[in-house]
Amino acid sequence: MAEDSARVITLVVVDDHPVVRDGLRGMFESDPGFRVLGEAPDGVAGVGLVARLDPDVVLMDLRMPGGGGVAAIAELTRRGDRSKVLVLTTYDTDSDTLPAIEAGATGYLLKDAPRDELFAAVRAAADGRTVLSPAVASRLISRVRTPEAPGNESLSAREREVLELVAKGTSNRGIAAELFISEATVKTHLTHVFAKLGAKDRAAAVAIGYDRGILG
């Protein structure tokens, strides 16, 4: 027990806002039970930093230019990194929470969480325990109790962005450039969009998008 109480939990902070990163670093370094090993401004840099520093916990924002959090979480999960990912974001919509948790996030917390709640969540994540903000937990419970019919699943935020660009007539190469992702990733997003909307091609996906109010 004494060994547990003396344990120092190491962290990496991934967020595109320098003020947020500075605030989190200052908050955690004020407690001897935590040590911030490094910071990254986007998911791609975050994955590289985690590989180099091997922290116990990664505090991951979701929507970041240059590489979003969900893709970073999925890559860390694919690589089998031991670090636990605790999402810390301002967004609690289904299109944000579900993909992050499906990608492998250990927990999901909102940035307005009190200091003590955040510290407790990081400790729980380091131990491999799932921690969810009350708002996110209630959404997930509701989603499990009322699953959506096939062909009517919600698009993720990135999938909606891809569909909006398709509706504007943007090519896969143009979409990749616009969103700072590879063409292969664009094709993967389109495959998911077609499956979720029950569409056989781009034109059908756009038509269904307008029909369901996803577009326009």
N, C-alpha and C. Protein backbone atom coordinates (compact mmCIF):
# COMPACT_ATOMS: atom_id res chain seq x y z
N MET A 1 0.83 -1.21 0.00
CA MET A 1 0.00 0.00 0.00
C MET A 1 0.87 1.26 0.00
N ALA A 2 1.96 1.22 0.78
CA ALA A 2 2.86 2.37 0.82
C ALA A 2 3.47 2.60 -0.54
N GLU A 3 3.73 1.49 -1.24
CA GLU A 3 4.33 1.62 -2.57
C GLU A 3 3.35 2.31 -3.51
N ASP A 4 2.02 1.97 -3.44
CA ASP A 4 1.01 2.59 -4.29
C ASP A 4 0.91 4.08 -4.01
N SER A 5 0.94 4.44 -2.71
CA SER A 5 0.78 5.85 -2.36
C SER A 5 1.97 6.68 -2.81
N ALA A 6 3.14 6.02 -2.95
CA ALA A 6 4.34 6.74 -3.37
C ALA A 6 4.50 6.77 -4.88
N ARG A 7 3.62 6.10 -5.57
CA ARG A 7 3.72 6.00 -7.02
C ARG A 7 3.50 7.35 -7.68
N VAL A 8 4.35 7.68 -8.64
CA VAL A 8 4.20 8.91 -9.42
C VAL A 8 3.66 8.53 -10.80
N ILE A 9 2.53 9.09 -11.17
CA ILE A 9 1.90 8.80 -12.46
C ILE A 9 2.44 9.77 -13.51
N THR A 10 2.95 9.22 -14.59
CA THR A 10 3.52 10.05 -15.65
C THR A 10 2.48 10.31 -16.74
N LEU A 11 2.55 11.53 -17.32
CA LEU A 11 1.55 11.92 -18.32
C LEU A 11 2.18 12.57 -19.54
N VAL A 12 1.44 12.48 -20.64
CA VAL A 12 1.70 13.27 -21.84
C VAL A 12 0.40 13.99 -22.16
N VAL A 13 0.49 15.28 -22.45
CA VAL A 13 -0.70 16.10 -22.74
C VAL A 13 -0.74 16.39 -24.24
N VAL A 14 -1.85 16.04 -24.89
CA VAL A 14 -2.01 16.28 -26.33
C VAL A 14 -3.19 17.22 -26.53
N ASP A 15 -2.91 18.46 -26.92
CA ASP A 15 -3.96 19.47 -27.10
C ASP A 15 -3.39 20.56 -28.01
N ASP A 16 -4.23 21.08 -28.90
CA ASP A 16 -3.71 22.07 -29.85
C ASP A 16 -3.64 23.48 -29.27
N HIS A 17 -4.16 23.70 -28.06
CA HIS A 17 -4.12 25.03 -27.46
C HIS A 17 -2.98 25.12 -26.43
N PRO A 18 -1.98 25.94 -26.68
CA PRO A 18 -0.86 26.08 -25.75
C PRO A 18 -1.30 26.49 -24.34
N VAL A 19 -2.31 27.34 -24.24
CA VAL A 19 -2.78 27.78 -22.92
C VAL A 19 -3.33 26.59 -22.12
N VAL A 20 -4.06 25.72 -22.82
CA VAL A 20 -4.61 24.53 -22.15
C VAL A 20 -3.48 23.62 -21.70
N ARG A 21 -2.50 23.40 -22.59
CA ARG A 21 -1.37 22.54 -22.22
C ARG A 21 -0.62 23.11 -21.02
N ASP A 22 -0.37 24.43 -21.04
CA ASP A 22 0.33 25.06 -19.91
C ASP A 22 -0.47 24.93 -18.62
N GLY A 23 -1.79 25.11 -18.72
CA GLY A 23 -2.64 25.02 -17.54
C GLY A 23 -2.64 23.62 -16.94
N LEU A 24 -2.72 22.63 -17.82
CA LEU A 24 -2.73 21.24 -17.34
C LEU A 24 -1.38 20.87 -16.74
N ARG A 25 -0.30 21.29 -17.40
CA ARG A 25 1.03 21.00 -16.86
C ARG A 25 1.18 21.62 -15.47
N GLY A 26 0.80 22.89 -15.33
CA GLY A 26 0.92 23.56 -14.04
C GLY A 26 0.08 22.88 -12.97
N MET A 27 -1.13 22.47 -13.35
CA MET A 27 -2.03 21.82 -12.40
C MET A 27 -1.45 20.51 -11.89
N PHE A 28 -0.98 19.68 -12.84
CA PHE A 28 -0.48 18.36 -12.43
C PHE A 28 0.88 18.44 -11.73
N GLU A 29 1.70 19.37 -12.15
CA GLU A 29 3.02 19.46 -11.52
C GLU A 29 2.96 20.10 -10.14
N SER A 30 1.77 20.64 -9.78
CA SER A 30 1.61 21.16 -8.42
C SER A 30 1.37 20.02 -7.42
N ASP A 31 1.16 18.81 -7.94
CA ASP A 31 0.93 17.63 -7.08
C ASP A 31 2.08 16.66 -7.28
N PRO A 32 2.76 16.27 -6.20
CA PRO A 32 3.92 15.38 -6.33
C PRO A 32 3.57 13.98 -6.85
N GLY A 33 2.28 13.69 -6.92
CA GLY A 33 1.87 12.37 -7.39
C GLY A 33 1.83 12.24 -8.90
N PHE A 34 2.11 13.37 -9.62
CA PHE A 34 2.07 13.35 -11.08
C PHE A 34 3.34 13.98 -11.66
N ARG A 35 3.69 13.55 -12.87
CA ARG A 35 4.79 14.19 -13.58
C ARG A 35 4.45 14.23 -15.07
N VAL A 36 4.44 15.43 -15.63
CA VAL A 36 4.16 15.61 -17.05
C VAL A 36 5.47 15.45 -17.81
N LEU A 37 5.53 14.42 -18.67
CA LEU A 37 6.76 14.12 -19.40
C LEU A 37 6.90 14.95 -20.67
N GLY A 38 5.75 15.36 -21.24
CA GLY A 38 5.83 16.10 -22.49
C GLY A 38 4.46 16.52 -22.99
N GLU A 39 4.46 17.37 -24.03
CA GLU A 39 3.23 17.89 -24.61
C GLU A 39 3.31 17.79 -26.13
N ALA A 40 2.14 17.66 -26.77
CA ALA A 40 2.09 17.63 -28.24
C ALA A 40 0.88 18.44 -28.70
N PRO A 41 0.98 19.10 -29.87
CA PRO A 41 -0.11 19.95 -30.35
C PRO A 41 -1.14 19.24 -31.21
N ASP A 42 -0.90 17.97 -31.55
CA ASP A 42 -1.87 17.23 -32.36
C ASP A 42 -1.67 15.73 -32.17
N GLY A 43 -2.60 14.96 -32.75
CA GLY A 43 -2.56 13.51 -32.55
C GLY A 43 -1.35 12.83 -33.12
N VAL A 44 -0.90 13.26 -34.29
CA VAL A 44 0.25 12.63 -34.93
C VAL A 44 1.50 12.82 -34.07
N ALA A 45 1.73 14.05 -33.64
CA ALA A 45 2.88 14.32 -32.76
C ALA A 45 2.72 13.60 -31.43
N GLY A 46 1.47 13.51 -30.97
CA GLY A 46 1.20 12.84 -29.70
C GLY A 46 1.59 11.37 -29.73
N VAL A 47 1.25 10.69 -30.83
CA VAL A 47 1.59 9.27 -30.97
C VAL A 47 3.11 9.09 -30.92
N GLY A 48 3.84 9.96 -31.61
CA GLY A 48 5.30 9.87 -31.60
C GLY A 48 5.87 10.11 -30.21
N LEU A 49 5.27 11.07 -29.50
CA LEU A 49 5.75 11.40 -28.17
C LEU A 49 5.49 10.25 -27.19
N VAL A 50 4.33 9.64 -27.30
CA VAL A 50 3.99 8.51 -26.43
C VAL A 50 4.96 7.35 -26.67
N ALA A 51 5.28 7.11 -27.94
CA ALA A 51 6.22 6.03 -28.27
C ALA A 51 7.58 6.29 -27.64
N ARG A 52 7.97 7.57 -27.58
CA ARG A 52 9.30 7.90 -27.06
C ARG A 52 9.36 7.96 -25.54
N LEU A 53 8.27 8.47 -24.92
CA LEU A 53 8.30 8.73 -23.48
C LEU A 53 7.60 7.67 -22.63
N ASP A 54 6.73 6.86 -23.24
CA ASP A 54 6.05 5.77 -22.54
C ASP A 54 5.37 6.22 -21.24
N PRO A 55 4.43 7.18 -21.31
CA PRO A 55 3.76 7.64 -20.09
C PRO A 55 2.72 6.64 -19.59
N ASP A 56 2.31 6.80 -18.35
CA ASP A 56 1.22 5.97 -17.82
C ASP A 56 -0.11 6.37 -18.45
N VAL A 57 -0.32 7.67 -18.59
CA VAL A 57 -1.60 8.19 -19.08
C VAL A 57 -1.37 9.28 -20.12
N VAL A 58 -2.22 9.28 -21.15
CA VAL A 58 -2.21 10.33 -22.17
C VAL A 58 -3.50 11.12 -22.04
N LEU A 59 -3.39 12.42 -21.81
CA LEU A 59 -4.57 13.30 -21.81
C LEU A 59 -4.74 13.78 -23.25
N MET A 60 -5.84 13.34 -23.89
CA MET A 60 -6.00 13.54 -25.33
C MET A 60 -7.21 14.41 -25.66
N ASP A 61 -6.96 15.52 -26.35
CA ASP A 61 -8.06 16.30 -26.91
C ASP A 61 -8.53 15.57 -28.17
N LEU A 62 -9.69 15.96 -28.72
CA LEU A 62 -10.21 15.24 -29.89
C LEU A 62 -10.04 16.01 -31.19
N ARG A 63 -10.55 17.23 -31.23
CA ARG A 63 -10.54 17.98 -32.49
C ARG A 63 -9.31 18.88 -32.55
N MET A 64 -8.34 18.45 -33.37
CA MET A 64 -7.08 19.19 -33.48
C MET A 64 -6.63 19.24 -34.93
N PRO A 65 -6.29 20.42 -35.44
CA PRO A 65 -5.72 20.50 -36.79
C PRO A 65 -4.42 19.71 -36.85
N GLY A 66 -4.21 19.02 -37.95
CA GLY A 66 -2.96 18.28 -38.11
C GLY A 66 -3.01 16.86 -37.60
N GLY A 67 -4.11 16.46 -37.00
CA GLY A 67 -4.23 15.08 -36.52
C GLY A 67 -5.14 15.00 -35.32
N GLY A 68 -6.33 14.45 -35.51
CA GLY A 68 -7.33 14.39 -34.45
C GLY A 68 -7.05 13.31 -33.42
N GLY A 69 -7.78 13.40 -32.30
CA GLY A 69 -7.56 12.48 -31.20
C GLY A 69 -8.01 11.06 -31.46
N VAL A 70 -9.14 10.89 -32.16
CA VAL A 70 -9.66 9.53 -32.38
C VAL A 70 -8.67 8.70 -33.19
N ALA A 71 -8.12 9.29 -34.26
CA ALA A 71 -7.14 8.56 -35.07
C ALA A 71 -5.90 8.22 -34.24
N ALA A 72 -5.49 9.14 -33.37
CA ALA A 72 -4.32 8.89 -32.52
C ALA A 72 -4.60 7.76 -31.53
N ILE A 73 -5.80 7.78 -30.94
CA ILE A 73 -6.17 6.71 -30.00
C ILE A 73 -6.17 5.36 -30.70
N ALA A 74 -6.75 5.33 -31.91
CA ALA A 74 -6.80 4.08 -32.67
C ALA A 74 -5.39 3.57 -32.99
N GLU A 75 -4.48 4.49 -33.31
CA GLU A 75 -3.10 4.09 -33.63
C GLU A 75 -2.39 3.56 -32.39
N LEU A 76 -2.59 4.21 -31.26
CA LEU A 76 -1.97 3.72 -30.01
C LEU A 76 -2.51 2.34 -29.64
N THR A 77 -3.82 2.15 -29.86
CA THR A 77 -4.43 0.85 -29.58
C THR A 77 -3.87 -0.21 -30.53
N ARG A 78 -3.75 0.14 -31.80
CA ARG A 78 -3.24 -0.80 -32.80
C ARG A 78 -1.82 -1.23 -32.46
N ARG A 79 -1.01 -0.29 -31.97
CA ARG A 79 0.38 -0.59 -31.65
C ARG A 79 0.55 -1.30 -30.32
N GLY A 80 -0.51 -1.35 -29.53
CA GLY A 80 -0.43 -2.05 -28.26
C GLY A 80 0.33 -1.30 -27.19
N ASP A 81 0.39 0.04 -27.29
CA ASP A 81 1.07 0.82 -26.26
C ASP A 81 0.42 0.61 -24.90
N ARG A 82 1.20 0.59 -23.86
CA ARG A 82 0.66 0.35 -22.51
C ARG A 82 -0.04 1.59 -21.96
N SER A 83 0.27 2.75 -22.51
CA SER A 83 -0.31 4.00 -22.01
C SER A 83 -1.83 3.99 -22.13
N LYS A 84 -2.49 4.47 -21.08
CA LYS A 84 -3.94 4.58 -21.09
C LYS A 84 -4.33 5.98 -21.57
N VAL A 85 -5.34 6.05 -22.41
CA VAL A 85 -5.75 7.34 -22.96
C VAL A 85 -7.01 7.84 -22.26
N LEU A 86 -6.91 9.03 -21.69
CA LEU A 86 -8.06 9.69 -21.08
C LEU A 86 -8.39 10.89 -21.95
N VAL A 87 -9.53 10.84 -22.61
CA VAL A 87 -9.96 11.95 -23.45
C VAL A 87 -10.35 13.12 -22.55
N LEU A 88 -9.84 14.31 -22.88
CA LEU A 88 -10.19 15.51 -22.14
C LEU A 88 -10.55 16.56 -23.17
N THR A 89 -11.85 16.82 -23.32
CA THR A 89 -12.32 17.66 -24.41
C THR A 89 -13.51 18.49 -23.98
N THR A 90 -13.96 19.37 -24.86
CA THR A 90 -15.15 20.18 -24.57
C THR A 90 -16.39 19.57 -25.20
N TYR A 91 -16.22 18.50 -25.98
CA TYR A 91 -17.33 17.94 -26.75
C TYR A 91 -17.87 16.65 -26.13
N ASP A 92 -19.20 16.57 -26.00
CA ASP A 92 -19.79 15.35 -25.43
C ASP A 92 -20.89 14.78 -26.33
N THR A 93 -20.85 15.09 -27.64
CA THR A 93 -21.86 14.57 -28.56
C THR A 93 -21.56 13.11 -28.89
N ASP A 94 -22.58 12.38 -29.37
CA ASP A 94 -22.39 10.99 -29.74
C ASP A 94 -21.30 10.83 -30.79
N SER A 95 -21.24 11.79 -31.73
CA SER A 95 -20.27 11.68 -32.82
C SER A 95 -18.84 11.85 -32.33
N ASP A 96 -18.65 12.36 -31.11
CA ASP A 96 -17.32 12.48 -30.53
C ASP A 96 -17.03 11.36 -29.54
N THR A 97 -17.97 11.11 -28.63
CA THR A 97 -17.71 10.15 -27.56
C THR A 97 -17.59 8.71 -28.06
N LEU A 98 -18.53 8.29 -28.89
CA LEU A 98 -18.54 6.89 -29.30
C LEU A 98 -17.31 6.49 -30.10
N PRO A 99 -16.91 7.27 -31.13
CA PRO A 99 -15.70 6.87 -31.86
C PRO A 99 -14.45 6.83 -30.97
N ALA A 100 -14.36 7.75 -30.02
CA ALA A 100 -13.18 7.78 -29.14
C ALA A 100 -13.12 6.54 -28.27
N ILE A 101 -14.26 6.15 -27.73
CA ILE A 101 -14.30 4.97 -26.86
C ILE A 101 -14.12 3.70 -27.68
N GLU A 102 -14.73 3.67 -28.87
CA GLU A 102 -14.55 2.51 -29.75
C GLU A 102 -13.09 2.38 -30.19
N ALA A 103 -12.40 3.50 -30.32
CA ALA A 103 -11.00 3.48 -30.74
C ALA A 103 -10.08 2.94 -29.65
N GLY A 104 -10.56 2.97 -28.40
CA GLY A 104 -9.74 2.41 -27.32
C GLY A 104 -9.47 3.31 -26.14
N ALA A 105 -10.16 4.47 -26.07
CA ALA A 105 -9.95 5.36 -24.92
C ALA A 105 -10.40 4.68 -23.63
N THR A 106 -9.60 4.84 -22.57
CA THR A 106 -9.95 4.27 -21.27
C THR A 106 -11.01 5.11 -20.56
N GLY A 107 -10.99 6.42 -20.82
CA GLY A 107 -11.95 7.30 -20.16
C GLY A 107 -12.26 8.52 -21.00
N TYR A 108 -13.29 9.25 -20.58
CA TYR A 108 -13.74 10.42 -21.35
C TYR A 108 -14.24 11.45 -20.35
N LEU A 109 -13.55 12.58 -20.31
CA LEU A 109 -13.88 13.63 -19.35
C LEU A 109 -13.99 14.96 -20.07
N LEU A 110 -14.82 15.84 -19.55
CA LEU A 110 -14.97 17.17 -20.15
C LEU A 110 -14.03 18.15 -19.45
N LYS A 111 -13.63 19.19 -20.19
CA LYS A 111 -12.63 20.13 -19.68
C LYS A 111 -13.13 20.99 -18.52
N ASP A 112 -14.44 20.98 -18.29
CA ASP A 112 -14.94 21.74 -17.14
C ASP A 112 -14.95 20.92 -15.86
N ALA A 113 -14.34 19.72 -15.90
CA ALA A 113 -14.28 18.87 -14.70
C ALA A 113 -13.44 19.56 -13.62
N PRO A 114 -13.86 19.47 -12.36
CA PRO A 114 -13.07 20.05 -11.27
C PRO A 114 -11.70 19.36 -11.16
N ARG A 115 -10.76 20.07 -10.57
CA ARG A 115 -9.39 19.58 -10.43
C ARG A 115 -9.33 18.21 -9.76
N ASP A 116 -10.04 18.04 -8.65
CA ASP A 116 -10.00 16.77 -7.93
C ASP A 116 -10.57 15.64 -8.76
N GLU A 117 -11.62 15.94 -9.53
CA GLU A 117 -12.23 14.92 -10.38
C GLU A 117 -11.26 14.50 -11.48
N LEU A 118 -10.54 15.47 -12.03
CA LEU A 118 -9.55 15.18 -13.07
C LEU A 118 -8.41 14.33 -12.51
N PHE A 119 -7.91 14.69 -11.34
CA PHE A 119 -6.84 13.91 -10.71
C PHE A 119 -7.30 12.46 -10.46
N ALA A 120 -8.52 12.32 -9.94
CA ALA A 120 -9.05 10.98 -9.65
C ALA A 120 -9.20 10.18 -10.94
N ALA A 121 -9.62 10.86 -12.02
CA ALA A 121 -9.80 10.19 -13.30
C ALA A 121 -8.47 9.70 -13.86
N VAL A 122 -7.43 10.50 -13.71
CA VAL A 122 -6.11 10.11 -14.20
C VAL A 122 -5.59 8.90 -13.41
N ARG A 123 -5.80 8.93 -12.11
CA ARG A 123 -5.37 7.78 -11.29
C ARG A 123 -6.13 6.52 -11.69
N ALA A 124 -7.44 6.67 -11.93
CA ALA A 124 -8.26 5.53 -12.35
C ALA A 124 -7.79 5.01 -13.70
N ALA A 125 -7.53 5.92 -14.63
CA ALA A 125 -7.07 5.52 -15.96
C ALA A 125 -5.73 4.79 -15.88
N ALA A 126 -4.83 5.28 -15.02
CA ALA A 126 -3.53 4.64 -14.86
C ALA A 126 -3.67 3.20 -14.37
N ASP A 127 -4.73 2.97 -13.60
CA ASP A 127 -5.00 1.62 -13.09
C ASP A 127 -5.81 0.77 -14.07
N GLY A 128 -6.14 1.37 -15.24
CA GLY A 128 -6.89 0.63 -16.24
C GLY A 128 -8.39 0.63 -16.02
N ARG A 129 -8.86 1.51 -15.12
CA ARG A 129 -10.30 1.57 -14.85
C ARG A 129 -10.95 2.62 -15.75
N THR A 130 -12.13 2.29 -16.26
CA THR A 130 -12.86 3.21 -17.12
C THR A 130 -13.48 4.33 -16.30
N VAL A 131 -13.34 5.55 -16.78
CA VAL A 131 -13.94 6.69 -16.09
C VAL A 131 -14.61 7.57 -17.14
N LEU A 132 -15.89 7.89 -16.90
CA LEU A 132 -16.67 8.69 -17.83
C LEU A 132 -17.33 9.84 -17.10
N SER A 133 -17.38 11.01 -17.73
CA SER A 133 -18.13 12.11 -17.14
C SER A 133 -19.60 11.71 -17.09
N PRO A 134 -20.37 12.21 -16.13
CA PRO A 134 -21.79 11.84 -16.02
C PRO A 134 -22.57 12.04 -17.32
N ALA A 135 -22.30 13.14 -18.02
CA ALA A 135 -23.02 13.43 -19.27
C ALA A 135 -22.74 12.36 -20.32
N VAL A 136 -21.48 11.96 -20.41
CA VAL A 136 -21.09 10.95 -21.39
C VAL A 136 -21.65 9.59 -21.01
N ALA A 137 -21.59 9.26 -19.73
CA ALA A 137 -22.12 7.97 -19.26
C ALA A 137 -23.60 7.84 -19.58
N SER A 138 -24.36 8.90 -19.35
CA SER A 138 -25.81 8.82 -19.61
C SER A 138 -26.08 8.67 -21.10
N ARG A 139 -25.26 9.32 -21.93
CA ARG A 139 -25.43 9.19 -23.38
C ARG A 139 -25.17 7.74 -23.82
N LEU A 140 -24.10 7.14 -23.29
CA LEU A 140 -23.77 5.78 -23.68
C LEU A 140 -24.84 4.79 -23.23
N ILE A 141 -25.34 4.99 -22.02
CA ILE A 141 -26.40 4.10 -21.52
C ILE A 141 -27.64 4.21 -22.41
N SER A 142 -27.99 5.44 -22.77
CA SER A 142 -29.15 5.67 -23.63
C SER A 142 -28.92 5.02 -24.99
N ARG A 143 -27.70 5.14 -25.51
CA ARG A 143 -27.39 4.57 -26.83
C ARG A 143 -27.48 3.05 -26.81
N VAL A 144 -27.02 2.43 -25.73
CA VAL A 144 -27.07 0.97 -25.62
C VAL A 144 -28.51 0.49 -25.51
N ARG A 145 -29.32 1.25 -24.78
CA ARG A 145 -30.72 0.84 -24.59
C ARG A 145 -31.58 1.05 -25.83
N THR A 146 -31.18 2.00 -26.68
CA THR A 146 -31.95 2.27 -27.90
C THR A 146 -31.01 2.29 -29.09
N PRO A 147 -30.51 1.11 -29.47
CA PRO A 147 -29.58 1.06 -30.61
C PRO A 147 -30.27 1.50 -31.89
N GLU A 148 -29.48 2.14 -32.75
CA GLU A 148 -30.03 2.63 -34.00
C GLU A 148 -30.17 1.50 -35.00
N ALA A 149 -31.17 1.63 -35.87
CA ALA A 149 -31.41 0.62 -36.89
C ALA A 149 -30.27 0.64 -37.90
N PRO A 150 -29.99 -0.53 -38.54
CA PRO A 150 -28.95 -0.57 -39.56
C PRO A 150 -29.22 0.47 -40.64
N GLY A 151 -28.18 1.12 -41.13
CA GLY A 151 -28.36 2.12 -42.16
C GLY A 151 -28.78 3.47 -41.60
N ASN A 152 -28.87 3.58 -40.26
CA ASN A 152 -29.29 4.84 -39.67
C ASN A 152 -28.36 5.27 -38.54
N GLU A 153 -27.11 4.77 -38.55
CA GLU A 153 -26.17 5.15 -37.51
C GLU A 153 -25.69 6.59 -37.72
N SER A 154 -25.30 7.22 -36.62
CA SER A 154 -24.81 8.59 -36.70
C SER A 154 -23.43 8.62 -37.33
N LEU A 155 -23.19 9.63 -38.16
CA LEU A 155 -21.86 9.82 -38.72
C LEU A 155 -20.99 10.52 -37.69
N SER A 156 -19.70 10.19 -37.68
CA SER A 156 -18.77 10.89 -36.80
C SER A 156 -18.56 12.30 -37.36
N ALA A 157 -17.94 13.15 -36.56
CA ALA A 157 -17.68 14.51 -36.99
C ALA A 157 -16.83 14.52 -38.27
N ARG A 158 -15.82 13.68 -38.33
CA ARG A 158 -14.95 13.63 -39.50
C ARG A 158 -15.70 13.07 -40.71
N GLU A 159 -16.55 12.07 -40.50
CA GLU A 159 -17.34 11.52 -41.61
C GLU A 159 -18.29 12.57 -42.18
N ARG A 160 -18.86 13.41 -41.31
CA ARG A 160 -19.73 14.49 -41.80
C ARG A 160 -18.92 15.49 -42.63
N GLU A 161 -17.70 15.79 -42.16
CA GLU A 161 -16.84 16.70 -42.91
C GLU A 161 -16.55 16.15 -44.31
N VAL A 162 -16.26 14.86 -44.38
CA VAL A 162 -15.99 14.22 -45.67
C VAL A 162 -17.22 14.29 -46.56
N LEU A 163 -18.39 13.98 -46.00
CA LEU A 163 -19.63 14.00 -46.78
C LEU A 163 -19.94 15.41 -47.28
N GLU A 164 -19.69 16.41 -46.44
CA GLU A 164 -19.94 17.80 -46.86
C GLU A 164 -19.05 18.19 -48.03
N LEU A 165 -17.80 17.72 -48.02
CA LEU A 165 -16.89 18.02 -49.13
C LEU A 165 -17.28 17.25 -50.38
N VAL A 166 -17.77 16.02 -50.21
CA VAL A 166 -18.27 15.25 -51.35
C VAL A 166 -19.44 15.98 -51.99
N ALA A 167 -20.32 16.53 -51.15
CA ALA A 167 -21.49 17.26 -51.65
C ALA A 167 -21.08 18.48 -52.45
N LYS A 168 -19.89 19.03 -52.17
CA LYS A 168 -19.40 20.19 -52.91
C LYS A 168 -18.66 19.77 -54.19
N GLY A 169 -18.61 18.45 -54.43
CA GLY A 169 -17.94 17.96 -55.63
C GLY A 169 -16.45 17.80 -55.49
N THR A 170 -15.95 17.80 -54.25
CA THR A 170 -14.51 17.68 -54.01
C THR A 170 -14.04 16.26 -54.25
N SER A 171 -12.91 16.10 -54.94
CA SER A 171 -12.35 14.77 -55.19
C SER A 171 -11.73 14.21 -53.92
N ASN A 172 -11.41 12.92 -53.94
CA ASN A 172 -10.75 12.31 -52.78
C ASN A 172 -9.42 13.00 -52.47
N ARG A 173 -8.69 13.37 -53.53
CA ARG A 173 -7.42 14.06 -53.33
C ARG A 173 -7.65 15.43 -52.70
N GLY A 174 -8.69 16.11 -53.17
CA GLY A 174 -9.02 17.43 -52.62
C GLY A 174 -9.46 17.34 -51.17
N ILE A 175 -10.23 16.30 -50.85
CA ILE A 175 -10.68 16.10 -49.46
C ILE A 175 -9.48 15.83 -48.57
N ALA A 176 -8.56 15.00 -49.05
CA ALA A 176 -7.36 14.68 -48.27
C ALA A 176 -6.56 15.95 -47.96
N ALA A 177 -6.42 16.82 -48.97
CA ALA A 177 -5.67 18.06 -48.77
C ALA A 177 -6.40 18.99 -47.81
N GLU A 178 -7.71 19.06 -47.96
CA GLU A 178 -8.52 19.96 -47.12
C GLU A 178 -8.47 19.55 -45.65
N LEU A 179 -8.50 18.24 -45.39
CA LEU A 179 -8.59 17.75 -44.00
C LEU A 179 -7.24 17.28 -43.44
N PHE A 180 -6.18 17.42 -44.24
CA PHE A 180 -4.84 17.02 -43.79
C PHE A 180 -4.77 15.54 -43.43
N ILE A 181 -5.39 14.72 -44.28
CA ILE A 181 -5.34 13.27 -44.10
C ILE A 181 -4.95 12.63 -45.43
N SER A 182 -4.68 11.33 -45.43
CA SER A 182 -4.28 10.65 -46.66
C SER A 182 -5.51 10.29 -47.49
N GLU A 183 -5.29 10.02 -48.78
CA GLU A 183 -6.40 9.59 -49.63
C GLU A 183 -6.94 8.25 -49.16
N ALA A 184 -6.06 7.40 -48.65
CA ALA A 184 -6.52 6.10 -48.14
C ALA A 184 -7.48 6.29 -46.98
N THR A 185 -7.18 7.27 -46.12
CA THR A 185 -8.07 7.56 -44.99
C THR A 185 -9.40 8.10 -45.48
N VAL A 186 -9.36 8.93 -46.53
CA VAL A 186 -10.61 9.45 -47.12
C VAL A 186 -11.47 8.29 -47.60
N LYS A 187 -10.85 7.35 -48.30
CA LYS A 187 -11.60 6.19 -48.81
C LYS A 187 -12.21 5.38 -47.67
N THR A 188 -11.45 5.25 -46.57
CA THR A 188 -11.98 4.52 -45.41
C THR A 188 -13.19 5.24 -44.83
N HIS A 189 -13.09 6.57 -44.69
CA HIS A 189 -14.23 7.34 -44.18
C HIS A 189 -15.44 7.19 -45.11
N LEU A 190 -15.21 7.23 -46.42
CA LEU A 190 -16.32 7.10 -47.37
C LEU A 190 -16.97 5.72 -47.27
N THR A 191 -16.15 4.70 -47.08
CA THR A 191 -16.71 3.35 -46.90
C THR A 191 -17.64 3.31 -45.69
N HIS A 192 -17.21 3.95 -44.60
CA HIS A 192 -18.04 4.00 -43.39
C HIS A 192 -19.31 4.82 -43.63
N VAL A 193 -19.17 5.94 -44.35
CA VAL A 193 -20.33 6.78 -44.65
C VAL A 193 -21.36 6.00 -45.46
N PHE A 194 -20.88 5.31 -46.50
CA PHE A 194 -21.80 4.54 -47.34
C PHE A 194 -22.53 3.47 -46.52
N ALA A 195 -21.76 2.79 -45.65
CA ALA A 195 -22.36 1.72 -44.84
C ALA A 195 -23.39 2.28 -43.86
N LYS A 196 -23.05 3.39 -43.21
CA LYS A 196 -23.95 3.96 -42.21
C LYS A 196 -25.21 4.53 -42.84
N LEU A 197 -25.09 5.08 -44.05
CA LEU A 197 -26.25 5.69 -44.70
C LEU A 197 -27.01 4.70 -45.58
N GLY A 198 -26.41 3.53 -45.81
CA GLY A 198 -27.05 2.57 -46.70
C GLY A 198 -26.99 3.05 -48.14
N ALA A 199 -25.90 3.74 -48.50
CA ALA A 199 -25.74 4.31 -49.84
C ALA A 199 -24.76 3.46 -50.65
N LYS A 200 -25.02 3.39 -51.98
CA LYS A 200 -24.15 2.57 -52.82
C LYS A 200 -23.03 3.38 -53.48
N ASP A 201 -23.18 4.72 -53.52
CA ASP A 201 -22.14 5.54 -54.14
C ASP A 201 -22.19 6.96 -53.58
N ARG A 202 -21.33 7.83 -54.09
CA ARG A 202 -21.21 9.20 -53.59
C ARG A 202 -22.51 9.98 -53.77
N ALA A 203 -23.10 9.84 -54.96
CA ALA A 203 -24.33 10.59 -55.24
C ALA A 203 -25.45 10.19 -54.30
N ALA A 204 -25.58 8.90 -54.06
CA ALA A 204 -26.62 8.42 -53.15
C ALA A 204 -26.37 8.89 -51.73
N ALA A 205 -25.10 8.90 -51.32
CA ALA A 205 -24.76 9.34 -49.97
C ALA A 205 -25.13 10.81 -49.78
N VAL A 206 -24.85 11.63 -50.80
CA VAL A 206 -25.19 13.06 -50.72
C VAL A 206 -26.71 13.24 -50.66
N ALA A 207 -27.43 12.50 -51.50
CA ALA A 207 -28.89 12.61 -51.51
C ALA A 207 -29.48 12.22 -50.16
N ILE A 208 -28.98 11.13 -49.59
CA ILE A 208 -29.47 10.68 -48.28
C ILE A 208 -29.08 11.69 -47.20
N GLY A 209 -27.88 12.27 -47.35
CA GLY A 209 -27.42 13.28 -46.38
C GLY A 209 -28.35 14.47 -46.33
N TYR A 210 -28.78 14.94 -47.50
CA TYR A 210 -29.73 16.07 -47.53
C TYR A 210 -31.10 15.64 -47.00
N ASP A 211 -31.51 14.43 -47.37
CA ASP A 211 -32.82 13.94 -46.96
C ASP A 211 -32.93 13.84 -45.44
N ARG A 212 -31.84 13.45 -44.77
CA ARG A 212 -31.85 13.25 -43.33
C ARG A 212 -31.42 14.51 -42.55
N GLY A 213 -31.12 15.56 -43.27
CA GLY A 213 -30.74 16.80 -42.59
C GLY A 213 -29.31 16.84 -42.13
N ILE A 214 -28.50 15.86 -42.57
CA ILE A 214 -27.08 15.85 -42.21
C ILE A 214 -26.37 16.96 -42.96
N LEU A 215 -26.82 17.20 -44.20
CA LEU A 215 -26.28 18.26 -45.03
C LEU A 215 -27.31 19.36 -45.18
N GLY A 216 -26.82 20.58 -45.36
CA GLY A 216 -27.75 21.68 -45.65
C GLY A 216 -28.51 22.15 -44.43
